[in-house]
Amino acid sequence: MDDCLFCGIVAGEVPADIVRSDERTVAFRDIAPQAPVHVLIVPRRHITNASTVTGADAEDVTALLLAAREVATAEGIAGEDRGYRLAFNVGADALNSVPHLHLHLLGGRAFGWPPG
């Protein structure tokens, strides 16, 4: 999509601190991090958000999860003694401001419950 910020990052037209990239996904640091490690993983193909995912998107969604695991390992937050949070935000109530499916990878600190 022409006016999508994350499509611009994927295309290399918008600068970002990219930490991982492959044929299906791009991972980059969030510009307003909510944890010491806060990386967004997006599919290269534009998908609006998690509520619009269909069976045809299965390979892209799987690729997001696999990329998240690789980034968590590279960032040193994976493993039995560590941990990380993965989150999809959908809609305005969840503060989803960019209409391009993105998976938040957060870590580097302990998280409480409920999330916040």
N, C-alpha and C. Protein backbone atom coordinates (compact mmCIF):
# COMPACT_ATOMS: atom_id res chain seq x y z
N MET A 1 0.85 -1.18 0.00
CA MET A 1 0.00 0.00 0.00
C MET A 1 0.89 1.24 0.00
N ASP A 2 0.51 2.21 -0.78
CA ASP A 2 1.33 3.41 -0.96
C ASP A 2 1.50 4.24 0.31
N ASP A 3 0.49 4.32 1.15
CA ASP A 3 0.56 5.19 2.32
C ASP A 3 0.84 4.44 3.62
N CYS A 4 1.28 3.21 3.55
CA CYS A 4 1.54 2.41 4.74
C CYS A 4 2.99 2.60 5.19
N LEU A 5 3.16 3.07 6.43
CA LEU A 5 4.48 3.29 6.99
C LEU A 5 5.33 2.03 6.96
N PHE A 6 4.76 0.91 7.38
CA PHE A 6 5.55 -0.31 7.44
C PHE A 6 5.87 -0.86 6.05
N CYS A 7 4.99 -0.65 5.08
CA CYS A 7 5.33 -1.02 3.70
C CYS A 7 6.53 -0.19 3.22
N GLY A 8 6.58 1.07 3.66
CA GLY A 8 7.71 1.93 3.33
C GLY A 8 9.00 1.44 3.94
N ILE A 9 8.93 0.94 5.18
CA ILE A 9 10.12 0.37 5.82
C ILE A 9 10.55 -0.89 5.10
N VAL A 10 9.60 -1.76 4.78
CA VAL A 10 9.91 -3.00 4.05
C VAL A 10 10.57 -2.69 2.71
N ALA A 11 10.10 -1.66 2.03
CA ALA A 11 10.65 -1.28 0.72
C ALA A 11 11.97 -0.54 0.82
N GLY A 12 12.38 -0.18 2.03
CA GLY A 12 13.63 0.57 2.20
C GLY A 12 13.49 2.05 1.95
N GLU A 13 12.26 2.53 1.85
CA GLU A 13 12.00 3.94 1.58
C GLU A 13 11.91 4.77 2.86
N VAL A 14 11.65 4.12 3.98
CA VAL A 14 11.56 4.78 5.29
C VAL A 14 12.66 4.17 6.16
N PRO A 15 13.50 5.01 6.77
CA PRO A 15 14.58 4.46 7.58
C PRO A 15 14.07 3.76 8.84
N ALA A 16 14.76 2.70 9.22
CA ALA A 16 14.43 1.95 10.43
C ALA A 16 15.67 1.21 10.87
N ASP A 17 15.73 0.88 12.15
CA ASP A 17 16.83 0.10 12.70
C ASP A 17 16.47 -1.38 12.53
N ILE A 18 16.79 -1.91 11.37
CA ILE A 18 16.42 -3.28 11.02
C ILE A 18 17.39 -4.25 11.68
N VAL A 19 16.82 -5.25 12.38
CA VAL A 19 17.63 -6.24 13.07
C VAL A 19 17.61 -7.61 12.39
N ARG A 20 16.65 -7.83 11.50
CA ARG A 20 16.55 -9.11 10.79
C ARG A 20 15.66 -8.91 9.58
N SER A 21 16.00 -9.63 8.52
CA SER A 21 15.20 -9.55 7.30
C SER A 21 15.35 -10.88 6.55
N ASP A 22 14.26 -11.35 5.98
CA ASP A 22 14.30 -12.53 5.12
C ASP A 22 13.27 -12.36 4.01
N GLU A 23 12.99 -13.40 3.28
CA GLU A 23 12.09 -13.28 2.11
C GLU A 23 10.64 -13.01 2.50
N ARG A 24 10.25 -13.29 3.74
CA ARG A 24 8.87 -13.08 4.17
C ARG A 24 8.69 -11.99 5.21
N THR A 25 9.73 -11.67 5.99
CA THR A 25 9.57 -10.77 7.13
C THR A 25 10.69 -9.74 7.22
N VAL A 26 10.39 -8.66 7.94
CA VAL A 26 11.38 -7.65 8.31
C VAL A 26 11.15 -7.35 9.79
N ALA A 27 12.23 -7.31 10.56
CA ALA A 27 12.15 -7.00 11.99
C ALA A 27 12.97 -5.74 12.26
N PHE A 28 12.37 -4.81 13.01
CA PHE A 28 13.06 -3.55 13.29
C PHE A 28 12.68 -3.07 14.69
N ARG A 29 13.56 -2.25 15.27
CA ARG A 29 13.33 -1.75 16.62
C ARG A 29 12.19 -0.72 16.63
N ASP A 30 11.35 -0.80 17.66
CA ASP A 30 10.25 0.14 17.84
C ASP A 30 10.82 1.51 18.20
N ILE A 31 10.26 2.58 17.63
CA ILE A 31 10.78 3.93 17.90
C ILE A 31 10.34 4.46 19.27
N ALA A 32 9.38 3.79 19.91
CA ALA A 32 8.95 4.17 21.26
C ALA A 32 8.91 2.90 22.11
N PRO A 33 10.08 2.36 22.44
CA PRO A 33 10.13 1.05 23.10
C PRO A 33 9.45 1.03 24.47
N GLN A 34 8.76 -0.07 24.72
CA GLN A 34 8.07 -0.29 25.99
C GLN A 34 8.82 -1.27 26.88
N ALA A 35 10.00 -1.70 26.43
CA ALA A 35 10.85 -2.63 27.17
C ALA A 35 12.26 -2.45 26.63
N PRO A 36 13.28 -2.94 27.34
CA PRO A 36 14.65 -2.82 26.84
C PRO A 36 14.83 -3.40 25.43
N VAL A 37 14.14 -4.49 25.16
CA VAL A 37 14.09 -5.02 23.80
C VAL A 37 12.64 -4.87 23.33
N HIS A 38 12.44 -4.12 22.26
CA HIS A 38 11.11 -3.96 21.67
C HIS A 38 11.30 -3.91 20.16
N VAL A 39 11.01 -5.02 19.53
CA VAL A 39 11.20 -5.17 18.09
C VAL A 39 9.84 -5.48 17.47
N LEU A 40 9.57 -4.88 16.33
CA LEU A 40 8.38 -5.17 15.55
C LEU A 40 8.77 -6.09 14.41
N ILE A 41 7.99 -7.15 14.20
CA ILE A 41 8.22 -8.07 13.09
C ILE A 41 7.00 -7.96 12.19
N VAL A 42 7.25 -7.65 10.92
CA VAL A 42 6.15 -7.45 9.96
C VAL A 42 6.32 -8.37 8.77
N PRO A 43 5.21 -8.79 8.17
CA PRO A 43 5.32 -9.52 6.91
C PRO A 43 5.66 -8.53 5.80
N ARG A 44 6.43 -8.97 4.84
CA ARG A 44 6.72 -8.12 3.68
C ARG A 44 5.43 -7.81 2.91
N ARG A 45 4.55 -8.79 2.85
CA ARG A 45 3.27 -8.61 2.16
C ARG A 45 2.32 -7.87 3.09
N HIS A 46 1.62 -6.89 2.56
CA HIS A 46 0.70 -6.11 3.38
C HIS A 46 -0.51 -6.95 3.79
N ILE A 47 -0.69 -7.07 5.10
CA ILE A 47 -1.87 -7.66 5.71
C ILE A 47 -2.32 -6.61 6.72
N THR A 48 -3.59 -6.24 6.74
CA THR A 48 -4.03 -5.11 7.54
C THR A 48 -3.80 -5.30 9.03
N ASN A 49 -4.29 -6.38 9.62
CA ASN A 49 -4.05 -6.67 11.04
C ASN A 49 -4.47 -8.10 11.32
N ALA A 50 -4.32 -8.52 12.57
CA ALA A 50 -4.61 -9.91 12.93
C ALA A 50 -6.07 -10.29 12.70
N SER A 51 -6.98 -9.33 12.74
CA SER A 51 -8.39 -9.66 12.53
C SER A 51 -8.72 -9.93 11.07
N THR A 52 -7.82 -9.60 10.17
CA THR A 52 -8.06 -9.84 8.74
C THR A 52 -7.30 -11.06 8.22
N VAL A 53 -6.55 -11.73 9.08
CA VAL A 53 -5.78 -12.90 8.66
C VAL A 53 -6.72 -14.03 8.25
N THR A 54 -6.36 -14.68 7.14
CA THR A 54 -7.11 -15.84 6.66
C THR A 54 -6.15 -17.01 6.49
N GLY A 55 -6.68 -18.14 6.11
CA GLY A 55 -5.84 -19.31 5.86
C GLY A 55 -4.78 -19.06 4.80
N ALA A 56 -5.06 -18.17 3.88
CA ALA A 56 -4.09 -17.84 2.83
C ALA A 56 -2.87 -17.12 3.38
N ASP A 57 -2.96 -16.62 4.61
CA ASP A 57 -1.86 -15.89 5.24
C ASP A 57 -1.02 -16.77 6.17
N ALA A 58 -1.31 -18.06 6.21
CA ALA A 58 -0.68 -18.96 7.18
C ALA A 58 0.85 -18.94 7.10
N GLU A 59 1.40 -18.96 5.92
CA GLU A 59 2.87 -18.98 5.80
C GLU A 59 3.49 -17.68 6.32
N ASP A 60 2.83 -16.56 6.07
CA ASP A 60 3.35 -15.28 6.56
C ASP A 60 3.27 -15.20 8.08
N VAL A 61 2.17 -15.67 8.67
CA VAL A 61 2.01 -15.63 10.12
C VAL A 61 3.02 -16.57 10.79
N THR A 62 3.20 -17.75 10.22
CA THR A 62 4.21 -18.67 10.75
C THR A 62 5.60 -18.04 10.67
N ALA A 63 5.88 -17.37 9.57
CA ALA A 63 7.19 -16.71 9.40
C ALA A 63 7.41 -15.64 10.46
N LEU A 64 6.35 -14.92 10.87
CA LEU A 64 6.48 -13.93 11.93
C LEU A 64 6.92 -14.59 13.24
N LEU A 65 6.30 -15.71 13.58
CA LEU A 65 6.64 -16.40 14.83
C LEU A 65 8.06 -16.96 14.80
N LEU A 66 8.47 -17.51 13.68
CA LEU A 66 9.82 -18.04 13.56
C LEU A 66 10.85 -16.91 13.62
N ALA A 67 10.55 -15.80 12.99
CA ALA A 67 11.45 -14.64 13.03
C ALA A 67 11.56 -14.11 14.45
N ALA A 68 10.44 -14.07 15.17
CA ALA A 68 10.45 -13.59 16.56
C ALA A 68 11.37 -14.45 17.42
N ARG A 69 11.30 -15.74 17.24
CA ARG A 69 12.17 -16.64 18.01
C ARG A 69 13.64 -16.37 17.70
N GLU A 70 13.96 -16.17 16.43
CA GLU A 70 15.35 -15.89 16.05
C GLU A 70 15.83 -14.56 16.61
N VAL A 71 14.98 -13.54 16.56
CA VAL A 71 15.36 -12.24 17.11
C VAL A 71 15.54 -12.34 18.62
N ALA A 72 14.64 -13.03 19.31
CA ALA A 72 14.76 -13.19 20.76
C ALA A 72 16.07 -13.88 21.12
N THR A 73 16.44 -14.88 20.37
CA THR A 73 17.70 -15.58 20.61
C THR A 73 18.88 -14.63 20.38
N ALA A 74 18.85 -13.91 19.27
CA ALA A 74 19.94 -12.98 18.94
C ALA A 74 20.06 -11.86 19.97
N GLU A 75 18.93 -11.45 20.56
CA GLU A 75 18.92 -10.36 21.54
C GLU A 75 19.23 -10.86 22.96
N GLY A 76 19.39 -12.17 23.12
CA GLY A 76 19.74 -12.73 24.42
C GLY A 76 18.60 -12.81 25.41
N ILE A 77 17.36 -12.83 24.92
CA ILE A 77 16.22 -12.88 25.83
C ILE A 77 15.46 -14.20 25.75
N ALA A 78 15.97 -15.16 24.97
CA ALA A 78 15.34 -16.47 24.88
C ALA A 78 16.03 -17.41 25.89
N GLY A 79 15.40 -18.50 26.18
CA GLY A 79 15.99 -19.47 27.09
C GLY A 79 15.13 -19.67 28.32
N GLU A 80 15.38 -20.76 29.03
CA GLU A 80 14.56 -21.11 30.18
C GLU A 80 14.63 -20.10 31.31
N ASP A 81 15.78 -19.43 31.48
CA ASP A 81 15.93 -18.48 32.57
C ASP A 81 15.56 -17.06 32.17
N ARG A 82 15.16 -16.86 30.93
CA ARG A 82 14.76 -15.54 30.44
C ARG A 82 13.34 -15.66 29.92
N GLY A 83 12.93 -14.78 29.04
CA GLY A 83 11.61 -14.86 28.45
C GLY A 83 11.28 -13.59 27.72
N TYR A 84 10.20 -13.63 26.98
CA TYR A 84 9.78 -12.47 26.21
C TYR A 84 8.29 -12.55 25.97
N ARG A 85 7.72 -11.43 25.59
CA ARG A 85 6.30 -11.33 25.30
C ARG A 85 6.13 -11.09 23.81
N LEU A 86 5.13 -11.75 23.22
CA LEU A 86 4.72 -11.51 21.84
C LEU A 86 3.29 -10.99 21.86
N ALA A 87 3.03 -9.93 21.07
CA ALA A 87 1.67 -9.36 21.07
C ALA A 87 1.31 -8.81 19.70
N PHE A 88 0.06 -9.08 19.31
CA PHE A 88 -0.56 -8.43 18.16
C PHE A 88 -1.58 -7.45 18.72
N ASN A 89 -1.56 -6.21 18.28
CA ASN A 89 -2.57 -5.24 18.66
C ASN A 89 -3.55 -5.06 17.50
N VAL A 90 -4.83 -5.03 17.81
CA VAL A 90 -5.86 -4.89 16.78
C VAL A 90 -6.79 -3.74 17.16
N GLY A 91 -6.85 -2.72 16.34
CA GLY A 91 -7.80 -1.64 16.52
C GLY A 91 -7.34 -0.53 17.44
N ALA A 92 -8.13 0.53 17.46
CA ALA A 92 -7.81 1.74 18.21
C ALA A 92 -7.74 1.50 19.72
N ASP A 93 -8.61 0.67 20.26
CA ASP A 93 -8.59 0.41 21.70
C ASP A 93 -7.29 -0.25 22.15
N ALA A 94 -6.64 -0.95 21.24
CA ALA A 94 -5.37 -1.62 21.55
C ALA A 94 -4.18 -0.75 21.14
N LEU A 95 -4.47 0.49 20.74
CA LEU A 95 -3.44 1.45 20.31
C LEU A 95 -2.69 1.00 19.06
N ASN A 96 -3.40 0.31 18.18
CA ASN A 96 -2.79 -0.09 16.90
C ASN A 96 -2.88 1.10 15.95
N SER A 97 -1.76 1.77 15.73
CA SER A 97 -1.77 3.00 14.94
C SER A 97 -1.29 2.81 13.50
N VAL A 98 -0.70 1.66 13.18
CA VAL A 98 -0.25 1.40 11.81
C VAL A 98 -1.02 0.19 11.29
N PRO A 99 -1.83 0.37 10.25
CA PRO A 99 -2.64 -0.72 9.73
C PRO A 99 -1.85 -1.67 8.82
N HIS A 100 -0.86 -2.32 9.41
CA HIS A 100 -0.06 -3.36 8.75
C HIS A 100 0.25 -4.36 9.85
N LEU A 101 -0.12 -5.61 9.66
CA LEU A 101 0.09 -6.64 10.67
C LEU A 101 1.52 -6.54 11.21
N HIS A 102 1.64 -6.48 12.53
CA HIS A 102 2.97 -6.47 13.14
C HIS A 102 2.92 -7.16 14.49
N LEU A 103 3.96 -7.91 14.74
CA LEU A 103 4.10 -8.66 15.98
C LEU A 103 5.11 -7.93 16.85
N HIS A 104 4.69 -7.56 18.07
CA HIS A 104 5.59 -6.93 19.02
C HIS A 104 6.36 -8.02 19.76
N LEU A 105 7.67 -7.90 19.79
CA LEU A 105 8.54 -8.75 20.61
C LEU A 105 9.11 -7.86 21.70
N LEU A 106 8.76 -8.15 22.95
CA LEU A 106 9.21 -7.35 24.08
C LEU A 106 9.95 -8.24 25.06
N GLY A 107 11.05 -7.73 25.59
CA GLY A 107 11.81 -8.51 26.56
C GLY A 107 12.89 -7.67 27.21
N GLY A 108 13.72 -8.34 27.98
CA GLY A 108 14.79 -7.66 28.67
C GLY A 108 14.41 -7.19 30.05
N ARG A 109 13.20 -7.50 30.49
CA ARG A 109 12.74 -7.19 31.84
C ARG A 109 11.59 -8.15 32.17
N ALA A 110 11.29 -8.25 33.46
CA ALA A 110 10.15 -9.07 33.88
C ALA A 110 8.86 -8.29 33.62
N PHE A 111 7.82 -9.00 33.27
CA PHE A 111 6.51 -8.42 33.01
C PHE A 111 5.54 -8.88 34.08
N GLY A 112 4.63 -8.00 34.47
CA GLY A 112 3.59 -8.36 35.42
C GLY A 112 2.33 -8.81 34.72
N TRP A 113 1.36 -9.18 35.52
CA TRP A 113 0.05 -9.54 34.98
C TRP A 113 -1.00 -8.81 35.79
N PRO A 114 -1.95 -8.16 35.23
CA PRO A 114 -2.19 -8.10 33.78
C PRO A 114 -1.13 -7.24 33.08
N PRO A 115 -1.04 -7.43 31.74
CA PRO A 115 -0.06 -6.65 30.97
C PRO A 115 -0.24 -5.16 31.20
N GLY A 116 0.82 -4.47 31.15
CA GLY A 116 0.72 -3.02 31.32
C GLY A 116 2.06 -2.35 31.35
